[in-house]
Protein backbone atom coordinates (compact mmCIF):
# COMPACT_ATOMS: atom_id res chain seq x y z
CA MET A 1 3.17 242.40 -37.99
CA ASN A 2 1.87 239.16 -39.34
CA ILE A 3 0.52 239.54 -42.86
CA LEU A 4 -1.51 237.13 -44.98
CA PHE A 5 -0.80 237.98 -48.59
CA PHE A 6 -3.18 236.66 -51.29
CA THR A 7 -1.65 236.83 -54.78
CA PRO A 8 -0.86 234.89 -57.93
CA VAL A 9 2.62 233.32 -57.62
CA ASN A 10 3.14 232.04 -61.13
CA GLU A 11 6.06 233.45 -63.17
CA ALA A 12 3.72 234.29 -66.00
CA SER A 13 1.73 236.81 -63.84
CA ALA A 14 2.94 240.40 -63.85
CA ILE A 15 1.05 240.91 -60.55
CA ALA A 16 3.09 238.07 -59.00
CA ARG A 17 6.19 240.02 -59.96
CA VAL A 18 4.82 243.12 -58.16
CA SER A 19 3.91 240.99 -55.15
CA CYS A 20 7.52 239.61 -54.93
CA LEU A 21 8.85 243.16 -54.63
CA LEU A 22 6.31 243.91 -51.93
CA THR A 23 6.71 240.84 -49.82
CA ARG A 24 10.52 241.15 -49.90
CA GLU A 25 10.27 244.81 -48.90
CA LEU A 26 7.85 244.00 -46.06
CA ILE A 27 10.10 241.20 -44.77
CA ALA A 28 13.10 243.47 -44.91
CA SER A 29 11.10 245.86 -42.72
CA GLY A 30 10.55 243.20 -40.04
CA HIS A 31 7.08 241.84 -40.94
CA HIS A 32 6.23 238.17 -41.23
CA ILE A 33 4.54 237.14 -44.50
CA THR A 34 2.47 234.03 -45.37
CA VAL A 35 1.78 233.97 -49.17
CA VAL A 36 -1.48 232.49 -50.35
CA SER A 37 -1.39 231.44 -54.01
CA THR A 38 -4.71 232.45 -55.70
CA GLU A 39 -4.48 230.56 -59.07
CA LYS A 40 -7.28 228.43 -60.12
CA MET A 41 -4.77 225.70 -60.85
CA THR A 42 -0.99 225.33 -61.06
CA TYR A 43 0.37 226.87 -64.27
CA GLY A 44 4.10 226.64 -63.89
CA PRO A 45 6.99 227.54 -61.60
CA ALA A 46 6.30 230.07 -58.72
CA ARG A 47 8.43 233.21 -58.21
CA ASP A 48 10.65 233.38 -55.19
CA PHE A 49 8.73 235.42 -52.61
CA GLY A 50 11.21 234.90 -49.78
CA ALA A 51 8.25 233.54 -47.74
CA GLU A 52 6.24 230.36 -47.37
CA ILE A 53 3.47 229.73 -50.01
CA VAL A 54 0.30 227.97 -49.22
CA SER A 55 -2.66 227.27 -51.51
CA TRP A 56 -5.95 229.11 -51.28
CA SER A 57 -7.65 225.71 -51.17
CA ASP A 58 -5.97 224.80 -47.93
CA GLU A 59 -8.83 226.05 -45.73
CA SER A 60 -7.72 224.87 -42.42
CA ARG A 61 -4.20 226.39 -42.86
CA ILE A 62 -5.57 229.79 -43.99
CA ILE A 63 -7.95 229.91 -41.03
CA HIS A 64 -5.05 229.15 -38.76
CA GLU A 65 -2.88 231.85 -40.28
CA SER A 66 -5.68 234.33 -40.40
CA SER A 67 -6.18 233.98 -36.63
CA LYS A 68 -2.56 235.28 -36.17
CA ALA A 69 -2.64 237.94 -38.88
CA GLN A 70 -2.85 241.68 -38.22
CA LEU A 71 -3.23 242.45 -41.87
CA VAL A 72 -4.69 240.66 -44.93
CA ILE A 73 -3.80 241.84 -48.32
CA TYR A 74 -5.28 240.86 -51.67
CA GLN A 75 -3.75 241.48 -55.14
CA ILE A 76 -6.60 241.38 -57.65
CA GLY A 77 -6.82 241.89 -61.39
CA ASP A 78 -9.15 240.91 -64.24
CA ASN A 79 -8.17 237.31 -64.72
CA TYR A 80 -10.10 234.52 -63.00
CA ASN A 81 -7.51 231.89 -63.56
CA PHE A 82 -5.02 233.94 -61.63
CA HIS A 83 -7.38 235.34 -58.96
CA ARG A 84 -10.01 232.66 -58.12
CA GLY A 85 -8.63 232.07 -54.67
CA ALA A 86 -8.83 235.73 -53.83
CA ILE A 87 -12.53 235.80 -54.89
CA GLU A 88 -13.20 232.72 -52.81
CA TRP A 89 -11.75 234.27 -49.58
CA LEU A 90 -12.33 238.05 -49.79
CA PRO A 91 -15.95 237.87 -48.70
CA ARG A 92 -15.04 235.69 -45.75
CA LEU A 93 -11.73 237.32 -44.74
CA GLN A 94 -11.77 240.95 -45.50
CA GLY A 95 -8.62 243.02 -45.94
CA ILE A 96 -6.90 245.66 -48.02
CA VAL A 97 -7.47 245.11 -51.75
CA CYS A 98 -4.67 246.19 -54.17
CA LEU A 99 -6.84 246.69 -57.31
CA HIS A 100 -4.78 246.33 -60.46
CA ASP A 101 -7.69 246.77 -62.93
CA PHE A 102 -10.67 249.11 -62.54
CA TYR A 103 -12.49 246.85 -64.98
CA VAL A 104 -13.07 243.30 -63.68
CA ALA A 105 -16.01 242.23 -65.75
CA ASN A 106 -14.07 239.33 -67.16
CA LEU A 107 -13.18 238.17 -63.66
CA PHE A 108 -16.87 238.52 -62.72
CA ASN A 109 -18.01 236.68 -65.79
CA ALA A 110 -15.88 233.63 -65.13
CA TRP A 111 -16.94 233.58 -61.46
CA GLY A 112 -20.49 234.19 -62.29
CA SER A 113 -20.62 231.21 -64.63
CA GLU A 114 -19.93 229.03 -61.48
CA HIS A 115 -22.43 231.07 -59.23
CA PRO A 116 -25.12 232.21 -61.71
CA ASP A 117 -27.96 233.01 -59.12
CA GLU A 118 -25.57 235.04 -56.93
CA ALA A 119 -24.03 236.76 -59.92
CA LYS A 120 -27.44 237.93 -61.31
CA ALA A 121 -28.42 239.18 -57.83
CA LEU A 122 -25.20 241.24 -57.60
CA LEU A 123 -25.67 242.62 -61.09
CA ARG A 124 -29.21 243.61 -60.28
CA TYR A 125 -28.11 245.28 -57.11
CA TRP A 126 -25.32 247.30 -58.59
CA TYR A 127 -26.62 247.96 -62.23
CA GLY A 128 -30.30 247.25 -62.35
CA GLU A 129 -32.45 244.66 -64.02
CA ALA A 130 -31.53 245.39 -67.66
CA ILE A 131 -27.83 244.64 -67.02
CA ALA A 132 -28.67 241.62 -64.85
CA THR A 133 -30.74 240.21 -67.73
CA SER A 134 -28.23 241.07 -70.56
CA PHE A 135 -24.73 240.65 -69.05
CA PHE A 136 -23.96 237.14 -69.64
CA GLU A 137 -25.48 237.32 -73.18
CA MET A 138 -23.06 240.32 -73.81
CA ALA A 139 -20.17 238.24 -72.46
CA ARG A 140 -20.51 235.91 -75.50
CA ARG A 141 -20.05 238.76 -77.94
CA SER A 142 -16.76 240.17 -79.33
CA ASP A 143 -17.71 243.71 -78.19
CA PHE A 144 -18.16 242.64 -74.59
CA ILE A 145 -15.62 245.06 -73.18
CA GLU A 146 -17.01 248.02 -75.18
CA GLN A 147 -20.51 247.25 -73.99
CA THR A 148 -19.65 246.89 -70.26
CA ALA A 149 -16.69 249.19 -69.71
CA ASP A 150 -18.89 252.10 -68.62
CA LYS A 151 -22.16 250.29 -67.78
CA ALA A 152 -20.98 247.29 -65.78
CA PRO A 153 -17.17 247.31 -65.06
CA LEU A 154 -17.87 245.47 -61.75
CA THR A 155 -15.41 247.66 -59.94
CA GLU A 156 -18.04 247.99 -57.16
CA TRP A 157 -18.23 244.25 -56.72
CA ILE A 158 -14.64 243.95 -55.65
CA ALA A 159 -14.35 247.35 -53.79
CA SER A 160 -17.46 246.68 -51.65
CA TYR A 161 -15.78 243.65 -50.06
CA ALA A 162 -12.68 245.45 -49.09
CA LEU A 163 -11.86 247.16 -45.81
CA ALA A 164 -9.70 249.51 -47.85
CA VAL A 165 -8.55 249.78 -51.49
CA VAL A 166 -5.22 250.82 -52.94
CA SER A 167 -5.07 251.39 -56.66
CA HIS A 168 -2.51 252.87 -59.00
CA SER A 169 -4.11 255.86 -60.91
CA HIS A 170 -6.94 258.30 -60.34
CA TRP A 171 -9.21 257.70 -63.31
CA GLY A 172 -11.25 254.84 -61.84
CA MET A 173 -11.32 255.89 -58.22
CA PRO A 174 -14.80 257.51 -58.20
CA ARG A 175 -16.39 254.05 -58.46
CA VAL A 176 -14.00 252.73 -55.84
CA LYS A 177 -14.94 255.54 -53.39
CA ALA A 178 -18.62 255.02 -54.04
CA SER A 179 -18.51 251.32 -53.09
CA CYS A 180 -15.88 250.87 -50.49
CA ALA A 181 -16.87 251.84 -46.95
CA GLY A 182 -13.28 252.16 -45.76
CA PRO A 183 -10.36 254.36 -46.89
CA VAL A 184 -9.11 254.35 -50.54
CA LYS A 185 -5.65 255.52 -51.75
CA VAL A 186 -3.79 255.99 -54.96
CA VAL A 187 -0.20 254.71 -54.77
CA PRO A 188 2.07 254.30 -57.86
CA LEU A 189 2.54 250.66 -58.76
CA PRO A 190 5.88 249.20 -57.59
CA TYR A 191 8.02 247.79 -60.35
CA ASN A 192 11.57 246.98 -61.37
CA THR A 193 13.53 245.86 -64.31
CA THR A 194 16.63 243.66 -64.97
CA VAL A 195 19.15 246.51 -65.50
CA ASP A 196 22.18 244.26 -66.16
CA VAL A 197 20.78 242.65 -69.38
CA GLN A 198 22.55 243.83 -72.46
CA PRO A 199 21.51 243.36 -76.16
CA ALA A 200 23.33 240.18 -76.99
CA GLY A 201 24.82 240.33 -80.41
CA TYR A 202 22.57 243.27 -81.39
CA GLU A 203 23.87 246.33 -83.15
CA ARG A 204 21.81 249.49 -83.66
CA HIS A 205 21.69 250.84 -87.23
CA GLU A 206 20.81 254.37 -88.27
CA ASN A 207 18.38 252.93 -90.94
CA HIS A 208 16.56 250.65 -88.60
CA LEU A 209 13.90 251.42 -85.87
CA ALA A 210 12.99 248.59 -83.37
CA LEU A 211 9.43 248.98 -82.18
CA LEU A 212 8.11 246.74 -79.39
CA THR A 213 4.68 245.88 -77.81
CA VAL A 214 4.56 243.51 -74.81
CA GLY A 215 1.86 241.83 -72.80
CA HIS A 216 -1.25 239.82 -73.82
CA ILE A 217 -1.68 240.69 -77.42
CA ASN A 218 -5.35 241.55 -77.82
CA ALA A 219 -7.50 244.20 -79.57
CA ASN A 220 -7.10 246.85 -76.90
CA LYS A 221 -3.28 246.93 -77.43
CA ARG A 222 -4.08 248.61 -80.73
CA VAL A 223 -1.47 246.51 -82.72
CA ALA A 224 -3.54 246.70 -85.95
CA SER A 225 -3.58 250.42 -85.68
CA VAL A 226 0.21 250.52 -85.28
CA ILE A 227 0.61 248.28 -88.26
CA ARG A 228 -1.63 250.53 -90.32
CA ALA A 229 0.35 253.60 -89.18
CA ILE A 230 3.60 252.05 -90.22
CA GLY A 231 2.20 250.84 -93.46
CA SER A 232 0.95 254.31 -94.41
CA SER A 233 4.48 255.80 -94.16
CA PRO A 234 7.15 254.91 -96.78
CA SER A 235 10.06 255.71 -94.35
CA LEU A 236 8.53 253.67 -91.49
CA ARG A 237 7.80 250.71 -93.76
CA ARG A 238 11.41 250.76 -94.73
CA LYS A 239 12.99 251.16 -91.34
CA VAL A 240 10.60 249.66 -88.63
CA THR A 241 10.66 246.14 -87.32
CA TYR A 242 7.55 245.70 -85.15
CA ARG A 243 7.97 242.94 -82.47
CA LEU A 244 5.18 241.51 -80.37
CA VAL A 245 6.23 239.77 -77.17
CA GLY A 246 3.49 238.12 -75.05
CA PRO A 247 0.70 235.54 -75.18
CA ILE A 248 -1.40 235.67 -78.33
CA SER A 249 -4.12 233.51 -79.78
CA PRO A 250 -3.68 231.74 -83.15
CA ASP A 251 -6.46 233.68 -84.67
CA ALA A 252 -4.70 237.04 -83.73
CA VAL A 253 -1.39 235.71 -85.15
CA LEU A 254 -3.09 234.94 -88.47
CA GLU A 255 -5.06 238.17 -88.59
CA LEU A 256 -2.18 240.49 -87.74
CA SER A 257 0.35 238.68 -89.90
CA ASP A 258 -2.11 238.95 -92.90
CA LEU A 259 -2.49 242.69 -92.22
CA ALA A 260 1.22 243.25 -91.97
CA ASN A 261 1.94 241.37 -95.17
CA ALA A 262 -0.72 243.24 -97.08
CA LEU A 263 0.81 246.55 -95.94
CA ARG A 264 4.46 245.41 -96.36
CA VAL A 265 5.22 245.91 -92.66
CA LYS A 266 7.95 243.86 -90.99
CA LEU A 267 6.22 242.07 -88.09
CA LEU A 268 7.90 239.67 -85.72
CA ILE A 269 5.66 237.74 -83.38
CA SER A 270 7.56 236.13 -80.37
CA GLY A 271 4.65 234.91 -78.26
CA ALA A 272 5.06 234.27 -74.56
CA VAL A 273 8.61 234.35 -73.37
CA ASP A 274 10.61 234.11 -70.08
CA ASP A 275 11.80 237.02 -68.03
CA GLU A 276 15.25 237.03 -69.54
CA THR A 277 14.04 237.04 -73.07
CA LEU A 278 11.51 239.80 -72.21
CA ALA A 279 14.33 241.90 -70.71
CA GLN A 280 16.36 241.26 -73.90
CA ALA A 281 13.48 242.50 -76.00
CA PHE A 282 13.24 245.73 -74.01
CA ALA A 283 16.99 246.16 -74.23
CA GLU A 284 16.99 245.91 -78.07
CA SER A 285 14.07 248.12 -78.63
CA ASP A 286 14.24 251.81 -79.78
CA VAL A 287 10.60 252.72 -79.01
CA VAL A 288 7.85 250.85 -77.08
CA SER A 289 4.17 251.07 -77.93
CA CYS A 290 2.01 250.92 -74.90
CA LEU A 291 -1.26 251.98 -76.49
CA ARG A 292 -4.51 250.85 -74.85
CA TRP A 293 -8.05 251.56 -76.03
CA PRO A 294 -10.24 251.06 -74.11
CA SER A 295 -7.78 251.50 -71.16
CA LEU A 296 -9.01 249.36 -68.36
CA GLU A 297 -5.97 248.98 -66.13
CA ALA A 298 -5.19 250.89 -62.98
CA ALA A 299 -1.59 250.95 -64.22
CA SER A 300 0.40 249.60 -67.15
CA ALA A 301 3.28 247.40 -66.19
CA SER A 302 4.75 247.42 -69.68
CA ALA A 303 4.72 251.16 -69.75
CA ILE A 304 6.42 251.36 -66.38
CA GLU A 305 9.07 248.82 -67.32
CA ALA A 306 9.68 250.55 -70.67
CA MET A 307 10.30 253.84 -68.80
CA LEU A 308 12.61 252.14 -66.33
CA TRP A 309 14.56 250.87 -69.31
CA GLY A 310 14.87 254.50 -70.48
CA LYS A 311 12.80 253.93 -73.65
CA PRO A 312 10.58 256.39 -75.30
CA ILE A 313 7.04 255.13 -75.31
CA VAL A 314 3.78 255.83 -77.23
CA VAL A 315 0.57 255.73 -75.17
CA THR A 316 -3.07 256.52 -75.49
CA ASP A 317 -4.02 259.79 -73.90
CA THR A 318 -6.50 258.21 -71.46
CA GLY A 319 -6.80 256.43 -68.17
CA PHE A 320 -3.53 255.64 -66.26
CA TYR A 321 -1.42 257.38 -68.84
CA LYS A 322 -2.93 260.80 -68.01
CA ASP A 323 -1.09 260.54 -64.70
CA ILE A 324 2.28 260.43 -66.57
CA PRO A 325 3.80 263.93 -67.19
CA ASP A 326 3.20 264.92 -70.81
CA ASN A 327 7.02 265.48 -71.47
CA LEU A 328 7.85 261.89 -70.61
CA VAL A 329 5.82 260.05 -73.31
CA ALA A 330 4.20 260.55 -76.62
CA LYS A 331 0.42 260.73 -75.95
CA ILE A 332 -1.85 259.70 -78.70
CA PRO A 333 -5.58 260.94 -78.89
CA PRO A 334 -7.85 258.02 -79.60
CA SER A 335 -9.88 260.20 -82.02
CA ASN A 336 -7.12 260.38 -84.54
CA GLU A 337 -5.20 257.30 -83.63
CA ILE A 338 -3.44 256.05 -86.76
CA ALA A 339 -2.36 259.45 -88.10
CA GLU A 340 -1.01 260.40 -84.65
CA ILE A 341 0.87 257.06 -84.19
CA ARG A 342 2.43 257.61 -87.62
CA ALA A 343 3.47 261.16 -86.73
CA ALA A 344 4.95 260.13 -83.35
CA LEU A 345 6.98 257.18 -84.88
CA GLU A 346 8.27 259.43 -87.71
CA ARG A 347 9.44 261.99 -85.15
CA PHE A 348 11.25 259.47 -83.20
CA ASP A 349 12.78 258.04 -86.35
CA LYS A 350 14.02 261.43 -87.49
CA SER A 351 15.45 262.47 -84.08
CA PRO A 352 17.41 259.76 -82.16
CA SER A 353 18.50 262.56 -79.78
CA GLU A 354 14.76 263.26 -78.92
CA ARG A 355 14.23 259.53 -78.28
CA SER A 356 17.27 259.43 -76.06
CA MET A 357 16.28 262.54 -74.03
CA MET A 358 12.68 261.51 -73.52
CA GLY A 359 13.65 258.03 -72.48
CA GLU A 360 16.18 259.40 -69.93
CA ARG A 361 13.68 261.78 -68.42
CA ALA A 362 11.17 258.95 -68.14
CA ARG A 363 13.76 256.67 -66.58
CA GLN A 364 14.65 259.15 -63.85
CA TRP A 365 11.02 259.89 -63.08
CA ALA A 366 9.88 256.22 -63.10
CA THR A 367 12.74 255.16 -60.78
CA GLU A 368 11.63 257.71 -58.20
CA THR A 369 7.86 257.09 -58.63
CA TYR A 370 7.32 253.32 -58.92
CA SER A 371 8.95 252.41 -55.60
CA SER A 372 8.29 249.19 -53.75
CA LYS A 373 9.48 250.84 -50.45
CA ASN A 374 6.92 253.63 -50.84
CA TYR A 375 4.19 251.18 -51.69
CA ALA A 376 4.92 248.77 -48.82
CA GLN A 377 4.97 251.57 -46.35
CA SER A 378 1.66 252.86 -47.65
CA LEU A 379 0.07 249.47 -47.02
CA VAL A 380 1.46 249.46 -43.41
CA ASP A 381 0.17 252.99 -42.87
CA LEU A 382 -3.17 252.14 -44.25
CA ALA A 383 -3.42 249.07 -41.91
CA GLY A 384 -2.85 251.44 -38.98
CA SER A 385 -5.56 253.81 -40.10
CA LEU A 386 -8.09 250.96 -40.51
CA HIS A 387 -7.94 250.34 -36.77
CA GLU A 388 -8.56 254.09 -36.11
CA ASP A 389 -11.33 254.48 -38.72
CA ARG A 390 -13.21 251.15 -38.04
CA PRO A 391 -15.90 252.76 -35.79
CA ILE A 392 -16.64 255.29 -38.58
CA ALA A 393 -16.86 252.53 -41.23
CA VAL A 394 -19.25 250.50 -38.88
CA ALA A 395 -21.51 253.54 -38.40
CA ARG A 396 -21.57 254.35 -42.08
CA ALA A 397 -22.43 250.78 -42.96
CA TYR A 398 -25.19 250.69 -40.30
CA PHE A 399 -26.92 253.82 -41.56
CA ARG A 400 -26.68 252.68 -45.15
CA LYS A 401 -28.40 249.50 -44.09
CA VAL A 402 -31.15 251.40 -42.52
CA LEU A 403 -31.66 253.52 -45.54
CA ALA A 404 -31.51 250.47 -47.74
CA ASP A 405 -34.18 248.83 -45.59
CA TRP A 406 -36.33 251.98 -46.18
CA GLY A 407 -35.97 251.40 -49.95
CA SER A 408 -33.19 253.80 -50.62
CA ASN A 409 -29.79 252.96 -52.23
CA PRO A 410 -27.34 255.49 -50.74
CA ASP A 411 -24.40 255.56 -53.07
CA ARG A 412 -24.70 251.75 -53.23
CA HIS A 413 -22.17 251.36 -50.37
CA TRP A 414 -24.05 248.96 -48.23
CA CYS A 415 -24.57 245.32 -49.47
CA ASP A 416 -26.93 242.66 -48.24
CA HIS A 417 -25.20 239.73 -46.52
CA SER A 418 -27.70 237.46 -48.13
CA LEU A 419 -26.05 238.15 -51.50
CA GLY A 420 -22.67 237.11 -50.18
CA MET A 421 -21.56 240.77 -49.75
CA PRO A 422 -19.86 242.08 -46.61
CA THR A 423 -21.68 243.35 -43.61
CA TYR A 424 -19.79 245.35 -40.99
CA THR A 425 -19.97 244.54 -37.27
CA GLY A 426 -18.14 245.97 -34.33
C-alpha cells in the first residue's frame, strides 16, 4: 500500500519520534511511505524515517503522491509551528487523523490569527455566538487553557475533517465520536526508549533522591506544586534534587528558581536537550513526576518513556493517566495536590524496594502495551474498514446535511463546505 504520511520531522518533536517508529514498522511490513513534513518552518535536523521526506508546501509533488496513495495519515497535536502543513492539507486531502491532543485550541488560535473570518465562523458553528465573540480575547489571557478546556477545546474542528480518528486514551473520545463521521478507535501510543544508555559517572546514594520532570515546562506540569511539596517536608528538602529537562521560558526559570530558593529546594534546570542527554536524565532518575493539570493530552510520552525505563512515576488522577492500572503509578488527586505529592515522594524515599517493584511492573506492562507493531497494524486495519464503511459515512453525512438545512444541528456532525469543512461525496 502507498501511504502519504503527514508529520513533524524535527528531532525536537516527540510526535516525530512516534512517527519514525510507525513509518519504519510500516515499511518493514511492505508498505511504501512518503513522509510530508508539516512544520511551519525548518527548526533543525530531521529524524531518520527510512523514507523520502517532502515539504507540505510542495503542492505539485503532494498532489502527485496523493494520486498514487491508498492511505493518507496525519499526525496532529496542539502546536501550530509543528503542524501547520497538516492543517493546510487536511480539508483538501482527507485521511486518518492520529490525534495526540484532545485539546487543540492553541493550534486553532494560531491558525485562526491567519484566517480570522473562517475561524470565527467555525467557532460560531461548533460553540455558539458567545464563544465566537470571546475566543480570541481569551487567547490573550493567562487563563486561556482553563477558560477553553471544556467550553472550546476545538477537538471537533480537527475530528470533523477526518475520515477516521485514532487517539490514545478514552477520556476525550466522546467529542471525537460526536464530530467524526467515520470510525474512531483508541490505540495505545507507540513509544520506545534507548535501553543501552547507562548513568555515566553517576552513583546512587541512600541519602539522595533524584526527581525528574521532562517536556515543555509550563504551568500544567505542576512544577511549582512539586517544589512546594518538597519544601514542606524536612526529609525531602534534605534528600531530593529536582531536575527539569525540556524547553522553558526565561520567566518560568526565574519564577521557579525564586520559589525553590525561598523553600530551600535543590532545583536543577537543564532546558532543552538532545535525545542522548534526555536518556541519561531518565537513567539517572529515581522517580519521575508526570503530573498534568489540566490534562489535555491523549497520551503522555514522558510517562510512557519513564515506565519503559522502569521508573516509578507520579501522575495526576485524570485524563490519560486513568487508563494506566493503579498499581503501576502513584496517582495524585488534583483536589489535594501538594499534600498528596509530598506523601507519595516520602513513601518512595522511605522504600527503595517499593520504587523498584513499581517501576518493574510498569516497565513490563508498558513494553507490551505501547507497541509500534500493534499501532501500525491498527492503521492498516482501519484503512481497510474505511473502504467498507464509506457508503454508511456518505449516507450519514447526507442526512445530517438535510437536517442542518432544516435548521437542526444533529450532533454537529455535518459541516458546511462554505466554511472550509469537509463534505462527503460518493
